[in-house]
C-alpha atoms as a PDB file:
ATOM      1  CA  MET A   1      38.101 -61.239  62.317  1.00  0.00           C
ATOM      2  CA  LYS A   2      37.824 -65.102  62.603  1.00  0.00           C
ATOM      3  CA  GLN A   3      37.975 -65.094  66.249  1.00  0.00           C
ATOM      4  CA  PHE A   4      35.410 -62.605  66.737  1.00  0.00           C
ATOM      5  CA  LEU A   5      33.086 -64.602  64.601  1.00  0.00           C
ATOM      6  CA  ASP A   6      33.938 -67.934  66.462  1.00  0.00           C
ATOM      7  CA  ARG A   7      33.190 -66.353  69.425  1.00  0.00           C
ATOM      8  CA  PHE A   8      29.717 -64.949  68.073  1.00  0.00           C
ATOM      9  CA  ILE A   9      28.300 -68.022  67.050  1.00  0.00           C
ATOM     10  CA  LEU A  10      29.496 -70.000  70.117  1.00  0.00           C
ATOM     11  CA  GLY A  11      27.696 -67.618  72.363  1.00  0.00           C
ATOM     12  CA  PHE A  12      24.172 -68.608  71.085  1.00  0.00           C
ATOM     13  CA  PRO A  13      23.097 -71.504  73.343  1.00  0.00           C
ATOM     14  CA  VAL A  14      21.960 -74.525  71.298  1.00  0.00           C
ATOM     15  CA  LEU A  15      18.707 -74.420  72.894  1.00  0.00           C
ATOM     16  CA  PHE A  16      18.053 -71.261  71.104  1.00  0.00           C
ATOM     17  CA  LEU A  17      19.536 -72.361  67.757  1.00  0.00           C
ATOM     18  CA  LYS A  18      17.310 -75.711  67.915  1.00  0.00           C
ATOM     19  CA  GLN A  19      14.100 -73.745  67.569  1.00  0.00           C
ATOM     20  CA  TYR A  20      14.499 -73.842  63.470  1.00  0.00           C
ATOM     21  CA  PRO A  21      12.629 -76.875  63.123  1.00  0.00           C
ATOM     22  CA  TYR A  22       9.089 -74.597  64.172  1.00  0.00           C
ATOM     23  CA  ALA A  23       9.834 -72.807  60.848  1.00  0.00           C
ATOM     24  CA  TRP A  24       9.331 -76.331  58.805  1.00  0.00           C
ATOM     25  CA  ILE A  25       5.720 -75.959  60.252  1.00  0.00           C
ATOM     26  CA  ALA A  26       5.358 -72.709  58.729  1.00  0.00           C
ATOM     27  CA  ILE A  27       7.081 -73.225  55.487  1.00  0.00           C
ATOM     28  CA  VAL A  28       4.995 -76.475  54.684  1.00  0.00           C
ATOM     29  CA  ALA A  29       1.645 -74.804  55.878  1.00  0.00           C
ATOM     30  CA  ILE A  30       1.847 -71.911  54.089  1.00  0.00           C
ATOM     31  CA  TRP A  31       3.584 -72.642  50.949  1.00  0.00           C
ATOM     32  CA  PRO A  32       0.507 -73.885  48.583  1.00  0.00           C
ATOM     33  CA  ARG A  33      -1.035 -70.350  49.469  1.00  0.00           C
ATOM     34  CA  SER A  34       2.022 -67.726  49.722  1.00  0.00           C
ATOM     35  CA  PRO A  35       5.101 -68.894  48.546  1.00  0.00           C
ATOM     36  CA  SER A  36       6.710 -65.551  49.036  1.00  0.00           C
ATOM     37  CA  VAL A  37       5.844 -65.595  52.812  1.00  0.00           C
ATOM     38  CA  ALA A  38       6.914 -69.374  53.030  1.00  0.00           C
ATOM     39  CA  GLY A  39      10.398 -68.384  51.480  1.00  0.00           C
ATOM     40  CA  LEU A  40      11.235 -66.079  54.693  1.00  0.00           C
ATOM     41  CA  PHE A  41      10.417 -68.836  56.848  1.00  0.00           C
ATOM     42  CA  LEU A  42      12.578 -71.002  54.544  1.00  0.00           C
ATOM     43  CA  ALA A  43      15.266 -68.371  55.093  1.00  0.00           C
ATOM     44  CA  VAL A  44      14.939 -68.722  58.810  1.00  0.00           C
ATOM     45  CA  PHE A  45      15.190 -72.383  58.642  1.00  0.00           C
ATOM     46  CA  LEU A  46      18.185 -72.597  56.717  1.00  0.00           C
ATOM     47  CA  ILE A  47      19.757 -69.934  59.066  1.00  0.00           C
ATOM     48  CA  GLY A  48      19.254 -72.149  62.175  1.00  0.00           C
ATOM     49  CA  LEU A  49      20.428 -75.080  60.323  1.00  0.00           C
ATOM     50  CA  LEU A  50      23.672 -73.669  58.963  1.00  0.00           C
ATOM     51  CA  SER A  51      24.137 -71.728  62.452  1.00  0.00           C
ATOM     52  CA  LEU A  52      24.395 -75.004  64.050  1.00  0.00           C
ATOM     53  CA  ARG A  53      27.050 -76.624  61.760  1.00  0.00           C
ATOM     54  CA  TRP A  54      28.779 -73.427  61.588  1.00  0.00           C
ATOM     55  CA  GLN A  55      28.969 -73.458  65.841  1.00  0.00           C
ATOM     56  CA  SER A  56      30.273 -76.903  65.383  1.00  0.00           C
ATOM     57  CA  ALA A  57      33.265 -75.836  63.369  1.00  0.00           C
ATOM     58  CA  ALA A  58      33.768 -72.570  65.177  1.00  0.00           C
ATOM     59  CA  TRP A  59      34.548 -74.460  68.315  1.00  0.00           C
ATOM     60  CA  ILE A  60      37.246 -76.808  66.744  1.00  0.00           C
ATOM     61  CA  SER A  61      38.791 -73.641  65.589  1.00  0.00           C
ATOM     62  CA  HIS A  62      38.603 -71.923  69.092  1.00  0.00           C
ATOM     63  CA  ILE A  63      40.183 -74.872  70.418  1.00  0.00           C
ATOM     64  CA  ARG A  64      43.080 -75.221  67.850  1.00  0.00           C
ATOM     65  CA  ARG A  65      43.632 -71.598  68.393  1.00  0.00           C
ATOM     66  CA  GLU A  66      43.828 -71.632  72.181  1.00  0.00           C
ATOM     67  CA  TYR A  67      45.247 -74.955  72.570  1.00  0.00           C
ATOM     68  CA  ALA A  68      47.393 -75.749  69.629  1.00  0.00           C
ATOM     69  CA  PRO A  69      48.953 -72.457  68.326  1.00  0.00           C
ATOM     70  CA  GLU A  70      51.589 -72.768  65.504  1.00  0.00           C
ATOM     71  CA  ASP A  71      50.854 -75.937  64.168  1.00  0.00           C
ATOM     72  CA  GLY A  72      50.850 -77.697  67.710  1.00  0.00           C
ATOM     73  CA  LYS A  73      49.577 -81.305  68.353  1.00  0.00           C
ATOM     74  CA  PHE A  74      45.599 -81.506  67.179  1.00  0.00           C
ATOM     75  CA  TYR A  75      43.702 -84.691  66.490  1.00  0.00           C
ATOM     76  CA  VAL A  76      40.256 -84.570  65.798  1.00  0.00           C
ATOM     77  CA  ASP A  77      37.683 -87.472  66.126  1.00  0.00           C
ATOM     78  CA  GLN A  78      34.130 -87.456  65.023  1.00  0.00           C
ATOM     79  CA  PRO A  79      31.970 -90.581  65.767  1.00  0.00           C
ATOM     80  CA  SER A  80      29.962 -91.095  62.320  1.00  0.00           C
ATOM     81  CA  ILE A  81      26.271 -91.146  62.459  1.00  0.00           C
ATOM     82  CA  PRO A  82      24.988 -95.103  63.032  1.00  0.00           C
ATOM     83  CA  TRP A  83      23.137 -95.340  59.346  1.00  0.00           C
ATOM     84  CA  GLY A  84      21.542 -98.491  60.088  1.00  0.00           C
ATOM     85  CA  SER A  85      20.058 -97.398  63.195  1.00  0.00           C
ATOM     86  CA  ALA A  86      19.136 -94.420  61.928  1.00  0.00           C
ATOM     87  CA  ALA A  87      17.239 -96.258  59.251  1.00  0.00           C
ATOM     88  CA  ARG A  88      15.173 -98.265  61.249  1.00  0.00           C
ATOM     89  CA  LYS A  89      14.000 -95.672  63.255  1.00  0.00           C
ATOM     90  CA  ILE A  90      13.209 -93.105  60.257  1.00  0.00           C
ATOM     91  CA  ALA A  91      11.116 -96.260  59.015  1.00  0.00           C
ATOM     92  CA  ILE A  92       8.956 -96.509  62.105  1.00  0.00           C
ATOM     93  CA  LEU A  93       8.621 -92.546  61.800  1.00  0.00           C
ATOM     94  CA  ILE A  94       7.407 -92.747  58.330  1.00  0.00           C
ATOM     95  CA  VAL A  95       4.947 -95.208  58.895  1.00  0.00           C
ATOM     96  CA  GLY A  96       3.596 -93.290  62.205  1.00  0.00           C
ATOM     97  CA  ALA A  97       3.612 -90.046  60.462  1.00  0.00           C
ATOM     98  CA  GLY A  98       1.643 -91.577  57.558  1.00  0.00           C
ATOM     99  CA  VAL A  99      -1.144 -92.820  60.117  1.00  0.00           C
ATOM    100  CA  ILE A 100      -1.365 -89.781  61.973  1.00  0.00           C
ATOM    101  CA  ALA A 101      -1.563 -87.495  58.573  1.00  0.00           C
ATOM    102  CA  PHE A 102      -4.272 -89.979  57.264  1.00  0.00           C
ATOM    103  CA  LEU A 103      -6.218 -89.157  60.522  1.00  0.00           C
ATOM    104  CA  LEU A 104      -5.557 -85.538  60.628  1.00  0.00           C
ATOM    105  CA  GLN A 105      -6.095 -84.775  56.840  1.00  0.00           C
ATOM    106  CA  GLY A 106      -8.581 -81.979  56.082  1.00  0.00           C
ATOM    107  CA  GLN A 107      -8.034 -80.290  59.350  1.00  0.00           C
ATOM    108  CA  PHE A 108      -6.891 -76.569  59.563  1.00  0.00           C
ATOM    109  CA  GLY A 109      -6.960 -76.518  55.666  1.00  0.00           C
ATOM    110  CA  LEU A 110      -4.197 -79.216  55.246  1.00  0.00           C
ATOM    111  CA  THR A 111      -3.690 -81.850  53.102  1.00  0.00           C
ATOM    112  CA  PHE A 112      -2.115 -85.444  54.113  1.00  0.00           C
ATOM    113  CA  TRP A 113       1.018 -84.672  52.464  1.00  0.00           C
ATOM    114  CA  GLN A 114       1.430 -81.598  54.166  1.00  0.00           C
ATOM    115  CA  PHE A 115       0.919 -83.095  57.592  1.00  0.00           C
ATOM    116  CA  PHE A 116       2.937 -86.115  56.535  1.00  0.00           C
ATOM    117  CA  ILE A 117       6.189 -83.803  55.416  1.00  0.00           C
ATOM    118  CA  MET A 118       5.335 -81.518  58.442  1.00  0.00           C
ATOM    119  CA  GLY A 119       5.632 -84.290  60.656  1.00  0.00           C
ATOM    120  CA  VAL A 120       8.607 -86.146  59.268  1.00  0.00           C
ATOM    121  CA  GLY A 121      10.519 -83.182  58.818  1.00  0.00           C
ATOM    122  CA  PHE A 122       9.886 -81.415  62.142  1.00  0.00           C
ATOM    123  CA  THR A 123      10.801 -84.804  64.014  1.00  0.00           C
ATOM    124  CA  LEU A 124      13.766 -85.525  62.331  1.00  0.00           C
ATOM    125  CA  PHE A 125      15.137 -81.956  62.557  1.00  0.00           C
ATOM    126  CA  TYR A 126      13.806 -81.159  66.291  1.00  0.00           C
ATOM    127  CA  GLN A 127      14.786 -84.641  67.567  1.00  0.00           C
ATOM    128  CA  ASP A 128      17.767 -85.230  65.364  1.00  0.00           C
ATOM    129  CA  ALA A 129      19.815 -87.113  68.508  1.00  0.00           C
ATOM    130  CA  ARG A 130      17.266 -89.643  68.601  1.00  0.00           C
ATOM    131  CA  PHE A 131      17.745 -90.709  65.203  1.00  0.00           C
ATOM    132  CA  PHE A 132      21.058 -90.116  64.247  1.00  0.00           C
ATOM    133  CA  GLY A 133      22.680 -90.070  67.666  1.00  0.00           C
ATOM    134  CA  ALA A 134      24.703 -87.112  69.780  1.00  0.00           C
ATOM    135  CA  ALA A 135      26.828 -85.080  67.978  1.00  0.00           C
ATOM    136  CA  VAL A 136      30.426 -85.293  69.442  1.00  0.00           C
ATOM    137  CA  THR A 137      33.717 -84.394  68.790  1.00  0.00           C
ATOM    138  CA  TYR A 138      36.959 -85.376  70.694  1.00  0.00           C
ATOM    139  CA  ILE A 139      40.202 -83.360  70.101  1.00  0.00           C
ATOM    140  CA  ILE A 140      43.620 -84.324  71.433  1.00  0.00           C
ATOM    141  CA  THR A 141      45.958 -81.332  71.753  1.00  0.00           C
ATOM    142  CA  ALA A 142      49.762 -81.503  73.629  1.00  0.00           C
ATOM    143  CA  THR A 143      47.937 -80.524  77.048  1.00  0.00           C
ATOM    144  CA  GLY A 144      44.776 -82.619  77.004  1.00  0.00           C
ATOM    145  CA  ILE A 145      41.592 -83.720  75.482  1.00  0.00           C
ATOM    146  CA  ALA A 146      38.806 -81.267  74.800  1.00  0.00           C
ATOM    147  CA  ILE A 147      34.986 -82.792  74.128  1.00  0.00           C
ATOM    148  CA  ARG A 148      31.944 -81.179  72.758  1.00  0.00           C
ATOM    149  CA  PHE A 149      28.754 -83.091  73.189  1.00  0.00           C
ATOM    150  CA  VAL A 150      25.505 -82.514  72.116  1.00  0.00           C
ATOM    151  CA  PRO A 151      22.854 -84.944  72.966  1.00  0.00           C
ATOM    152  CA  GLY A 152      20.091 -82.873  72.418  1.00  0.00           C
ATOM    153  CA  HIS A 153      19.275 -79.170  72.976  1.00  0.00           C
ATOM    154  CA  LEU A 154      22.096 -78.794  75.415  1.00  0.00           C
ATOM    155  CA  ASP A 155      25.681 -78.902  74.340  1.00  0.00           C
ATOM    156  CA  TYR A 156      28.637 -79.625  76.856  1.00  0.00           C
ATOM    157  CA  ARG A 157      32.181 -78.558  76.271  1.00  0.00           C
ATOM    158  CA  VAL A 158      34.738 -80.042  78.654  1.00  0.00           C
ATOM    159  CA  ILE A 159      38.508 -79.722  78.521  1.00  0.00           C
ATOM    160  CA  LEU A 160      40.431 -82.314  80.459  1.00  0.00           C
ATOM    161  CA  LYS A 161      44.049 -81.508  81.139  1.00  0.00           C
ATOM    162  CA  PHE A 162      46.195 -84.663  81.223  1.00  0.00           C
ATOM    163  CA  ASN A 163      47.393 -83.455  84.573  1.00  0.00           C
ATOM    164  CA  GLU A 164      43.770 -84.024  85.718  1.00  0.00           C
ATOM    165  CA  ILE A 165      43.559 -87.363  84.098  1.00  0.00           C
ATOM    166  CA  SER A 166      45.024 -90.436  86.151  1.00  0.00           C
ATOM    167  CA  ARG A 167      44.772 -93.073  83.439  1.00  0.00           C
ATOM    168  CA  ILE A 168      42.757 -94.089  80.374  1.00  0.00           C
ATOM    169  CA  GLU A 169      41.770 -97.526  80.130  1.00  0.00           C
ATOM    170  CA  ARG A 170      39.515 -99.509  77.497  1.00  0.00           C
ATOM    171  CA  ALA A 171      36.239-100.762  79.161  1.00  0.00           C
ATOM    172  CA  GLU A 172      32.754-101.594  78.623  1.00  0.00           C
ATOM    173  CA  PHE A 173      30.067 -99.016  79.618  1.00  0.00           C
ATOM    174  CA  GLN A 174      28.222 -99.882  82.674  1.00  0.00           C
ATOM    175  CA  GLU A 175      25.194 -97.785  83.326  1.00  0.00           C
ATOM    176  CA  ASP A 176      24.989 -98.661  86.886  1.00  0.00           C
ATOM    177  CA  LYS A 177      28.487 -97.369  88.067  1.00  0.00           C
ATOM    178  CA  GLY A 178      27.521 -93.886  87.406  1.00  0.00           C
ATOM    179  CA  TRP A 179      29.908 -92.560  84.728  1.00  0.00           C
ATOM    180  CA  GLY A 180      29.584 -89.714  82.553  1.00  0.00           C
ATOM    181  CA  PHE A 181      28.755 -90.742  78.991  1.00  0.00           C
ATOM    182  CA  PHE A 182      30.033 -88.676  76.283  1.00  0.00           C
ATOM    183  CA  GLY A 183      29.420 -90.611  72.914  1.00  0.00           C
ATOM    184  CA  ARG A 184      27.505 -90.817  69.900  1.00  0.00           C
ATOM    185  CA  THR A 185      24.874 -93.842  70.712  1.00  0.00           C
ATOM    186  CA  ARG A 186      24.746 -95.931  74.067  1.00  0.00           C
ATOM    187  CA  ASP A 187      24.293 -98.833  71.594  1.00  0.00           C
ATOM    188  CA  VAL A 188      28.003 -98.769  71.380  1.00  0.00           C
ATOM    189  CA  LYS A 189      29.327-100.359  74.446  1.00  0.00           C
ATOM    190  CA  ASN A 190      33.003-100.860  74.072  1.00  0.00           C
ATOM    191  CA  GLY A 191      35.068 -97.677  74.564  1.00  0.00           C
ATOM    192  CA  LEU A 192      37.572 -95.574  76.785  1.00  0.00           C
ATOM    193  CA  LEU A 193      37.286 -94.798  80.406  1.00  0.00           C
ATOM    194  CA  LEU A 194      38.956 -91.491  81.590  1.00  0.00           C
ATOM    195  CA  ILE A 195      39.942 -91.718  85.081  1.00  0.00           C
ATOM    196  CA  PRO A 196      40.503 -88.682  87.128  1.00  0.00           C
ATOM    197  CA  LYS A 197      43.031 -88.157  89.599  1.00  0.00           C
ATOM    198  CA  ASP A 198      41.098 -86.255  92.057  1.00  0.00           C
ATOM    199  CA  PRO A 199      39.078 -88.832  94.068  1.00  0.00           C
ATOM    200  CA  ASN A 200      36.092 -86.591  93.922  1.00  0.00           C
ATOM    201  CA  GLY A 201      36.082 -86.304  90.335  1.00  0.00           C
ATOM    202  CA  PHE A 202      36.771 -84.361  87.229  1.00  0.00           C
ATOM    203  CA  SER A 203      34.212 -81.881  88.563  1.00  0.00           C
ATOM    204  CA  LYS A 204      30.704 -81.955  90.549  1.00  0.00           C
ATOM    205  CA  ARG A 205      28.686 -83.490  87.708  1.00  0.00           C
ATOM    206  CA  ILE A 206      31.505 -85.563  86.093  1.00  0.00           C
ATOM    207  CA  ASP A 207      33.168 -88.534  87.887  1.00  0.00           C
ATOM    208  CA  LYS A 208      34.676 -91.059  85.491  1.00  0.00           C
ATOM    209  CA  LEU A 209      33.984 -90.356  81.989  1.00  0.00           C
ATOM    210  CA  PHE A 210      33.236 -92.735  79.254  1.00  0.00           C
ATOM    211  CA  ILE A 211      34.069 -91.929  75.608  1.00  0.00           C
ATOM    212  CA  VAL A 212      33.640 -93.919  72.446  1.00  0.00           C
ATOM    213  CA  PRO A 213      35.842 -92.362  69.513  1.00  0.00           C
ATOM    214  CA  LYS A 214      35.348 -93.452  66.018  1.00  0.00           C
ATOM    215  CA  ASP A 215      39.046 -94.667  65.587  1.00  0.00           C
ATOM    216  CA  MET A 216      39.819 -96.142  69.139  1.00  0.00           C
ATOM    217  CA  GLU A 217      43.461 -97.188  68.068  1.00  0.00           C
ATOM    218  CA  LYS A 218      44.412 -94.080  66.295  1.00  0.00           C
ATOM    219  CA  PHE A 219      42.613 -92.395  69.305  1.00  0.00           C
ATOM    220  CA  LEU A 220      44.919 -93.998  71.535  1.00  0.00           C
ATOM    221  CA  GLU A 221      47.969 -93.353  69.463  1.00  0.00           C
ATOM    222  CA  GLN A 222      47.771 -89.709  69.806  1.00  0.00           C
ATOM    223  CA  LEU A 223      47.742 -90.094  73.563  1.00  0.00           C
ATOM    224  CA  PRO A 224      50.984 -88.925  75.538  1.00  0.00           C
ATOM    225  CA  TYR A 225      53.432 -91.996  76.846  1.00  0.00           C
ATOM    226  CA  GLY A 226      51.698 -93.055  79.876  1.00  0.00           C
ATOM    227  CA  TYR A 227      48.289 -92.983  78.787  1.00  0.00           C
ATOM    228  CA  ARG A 228      48.013 -95.634  75.911  1.00  0.00           C
END
């Protein structure tokens, strides 16, 4: 049953699930006049929000089932939110939303606070990666490295077998090198560069891949001999 549910939620594109913030607009606009109708939109909002969390957990569960059965090697690294940077961006958002709400108050029968809450909430939920960084999960198994990267309304799921990787080395990200970047934010420059054995790259879209684990030392310790 769990396997079926994992496949079910993983079958939904992130782009589809990420439409739930539009329900926030309806919630704020309708609530004062009809809380019961607004409650329906609140249910849609919560389902969408929880579905994204469920999808992340389902992907980890799927990788464990496929690549680490019977308690095989399974190490998960999920970089945390850069709260300092997020706080600064949210502060700017609050000021901007306040100005816009002040200018629009009274329009469409909405108050200052409705416009303010609507603007702040919708922007945070719809553009969450801009404020909190891209959601990224790295998993090391006995056979390779699995990565799920969600920089916005698309998600990338990559499985790199160790026999596809020539070496993994510490590096500083360089924009002009054309490396793929699967990290929480580009503000963190130091990370690991995955270099493919194939001179044409890991795929048509990924040549060398730069990643930024939360705990780089522990991540390196989990790699097999020859990749540390």
